[in-house]
Amino acid sequence: MAVLYHNPRCSKSRAALALLQEREIDLEVVRYLETPPDEASLRELLGQLDMTPLELMRRGEARYRELGLQGADISDDDRIRAMADNPILIERPVFITNGRAVVGRPPERVLELL
């Protein structure tokens, strides 16, 4: 089954969901702000995305600056822990299917995995 990490308040996330629903994709929608992924799930997701923790982070969020995550001395483990504890830091939407994942920015990127 495919999974979409979704934030219904985000227009990009809503657009990605609509694209997948139009194609009748069997989909589990995870409202990740309400049900955040744990550290192990984030590590797996990063592998599927082939991204670093920093690349998956929303660096424009106030919480990113508040936590001091912009420093070069911040470890990947610290960034993963920060995303697990503060899911607002996770870029959205993220679409996962068949062991691969993509950040839906722009939303049409989710179609790459179909």
Protein backbone atom coordinates (compact mmCIF):
# COMPACT_ATOMS: atom_id res chain seq x y z
CA MET A 1 0.00 0.00 0.00
CA ALA A 2 1.16 3.52 -0.74
CA VAL A 3 1.51 6.12 2.01
CA LEU A 4 1.26 9.90 1.89
CA TYR A 5 2.63 11.94 4.78
CA HIS A 6 0.06 14.72 4.59
CA ASN A 7 -0.66 18.09 6.16
CA PRO A 8 -4.18 19.16 5.20
CA ARG A 9 -3.31 22.83 5.86
CA CYS A 10 -0.61 22.75 3.15
CA SER A 11 -1.73 23.52 -0.42
CA LYS A 12 1.07 21.39 -1.92
CA SER A 13 0.06 18.46 0.23
CA ARG A 14 -3.61 18.84 -0.71
CA ALA A 15 -2.67 19.01 -4.40
CA ALA A 16 -0.54 15.86 -4.16
CA LEU A 17 -3.37 14.02 -2.41
CA ALA A 18 -5.81 15.11 -5.11
CA LEU A 19 -3.48 13.85 -7.87
CA LEU A 20 -3.23 10.44 -6.20
CA GLN A 21 -6.96 10.23 -5.53
CA GLU A 22 -7.75 11.15 -9.15
CA ARG A 23 -5.71 8.11 -10.17
CA GLU A 24 -7.52 5.96 -7.57
CA ILE A 25 -4.29 4.96 -5.84
CA ASP A 26 -4.84 2.69 -2.82
CA LEU A 27 -3.43 5.05 -0.24
CA GLU A 28 -2.92 5.40 3.49
CA VAL A 29 -2.97 9.09 4.39
CA VAL A 30 -0.88 9.83 7.48
CA ARG A 31 -1.45 13.21 9.08
CA TYR A 32 2.12 13.31 10.28
CA LEU A 33 1.65 16.32 12.56
CA GLU A 34 -0.88 14.28 14.56
CA THR A 35 0.92 10.93 14.15
CA PRO A 36 4.60 11.75 13.66
CA PRO A 37 7.08 9.14 12.48
CA ASP A 38 9.55 7.94 15.09
CA GLU A 39 13.32 8.08 14.62
CA ALA A 40 13.52 4.59 13.10
CA SER A 41 10.77 5.41 10.60
CA LEU A 42 12.52 8.66 9.67
CA ARG A 43 15.79 6.79 9.06
CA GLU A 44 13.98 4.34 6.79
CA LEU A 45 12.24 7.21 5.00
CA LEU A 46 15.53 9.04 4.46
CA GLY A 47 16.93 5.89 2.84
CA GLN A 48 13.91 5.62 0.55
CA LEU A 49 14.26 9.30 -0.37
CA ASP A 50 18.07 9.09 -0.70
CA MET A 51 18.24 12.34 1.27
CA THR A 52 20.11 13.62 4.30
CA PRO A 53 18.18 14.74 7.37
CA LEU A 54 19.03 18.36 6.55
CA GLU A 55 17.56 17.98 3.04
CA LEU A 56 14.27 16.72 4.51
CA MET A 57 13.98 19.60 6.97
CA ARG A 58 11.85 22.68 6.51
CA ARG A 59 14.60 25.20 7.15
CA GLY A 60 12.22 28.16 6.89
CA GLU A 61 10.27 27.09 9.97
CA ALA A 62 10.73 29.21 13.08
CA ARG A 63 11.17 26.00 15.09
CA TYR A 64 14.26 25.15 12.99
CA ARG A 65 15.94 28.39 14.09
CA GLU A 66 14.66 28.12 17.68
CA LEU A 67 16.32 24.72 18.02
CA GLY A 68 19.58 25.94 16.48
CA LEU A 69 19.51 23.26 13.79
CA GLN A 70 21.29 25.41 11.21
CA GLY A 71 24.72 24.88 12.77
CA ALA A 72 27.32 22.85 10.88
CA ASP A 73 28.12 20.98 14.10
CA ILE A 74 24.59 19.51 14.37
CA SER A 75 24.67 15.76 13.74
CA ASP A 76 22.30 13.79 11.54
CA ASP A 77 21.12 11.99 14.69
CA ASP A 78 20.25 15.33 16.30
CA ARG A 79 18.32 16.44 13.22
CA ILE A 80 16.41 13.15 13.04
CA ARG A 81 15.55 13.42 16.74
CA ALA A 82 14.40 17.01 16.19
CA MET A 83 12.09 15.95 13.33
CA ALA A 84 10.63 13.12 15.40
CA ASP A 85 9.99 15.52 18.29
CA ASN A 86 8.88 18.42 16.07
CA PRO A 87 7.21 16.98 12.96
CA ILE A 88 6.51 20.49 11.63
CA LEU A 89 10.18 20.36 10.57
CA ILE A 90 9.54 17.55 8.07
CA GLU A 91 9.16 18.64 4.45
CA ARG A 92 5.79 17.78 2.97
CA PRO A 93 4.15 16.00 1.34
CA VAL A 94 6.08 12.74 1.20
CA PHE A 95 4.76 9.91 -0.96
CA ILE A 96 5.99 6.34 -0.42
CA THR A 97 5.27 3.31 -2.58
CA ASN A 98 7.10 0.10 -3.51
CA GLY A 99 10.03 0.90 -1.21
CA ARG A 100 10.68 4.28 -2.80
CA ALA A 101 9.72 7.77 -1.73
CA VAL A 102 9.60 11.30 -3.07
CA VAL A 103 8.89 14.74 -1.63
CA GLY A 104 5.93 16.14 -3.55
CA ARG A 105 7.37 19.56 -4.35
CA PRO A 106 5.99 20.32 -6.80
CA PRO A 107 3.00 18.04 -6.15
CA GLU A 108 3.35 16.37 -9.58
CA ARG A 109 6.54 14.70 -8.34
CA VAL A 110 4.39 12.07 -6.61
CA LEU A 111 3.45 10.79 -10.07
CA GLU A 112 7.10 9.82 -10.70
CA LEU A 113 6.64 6.74 -8.52
CA LEU A 114 3.51 5.45 -10.25
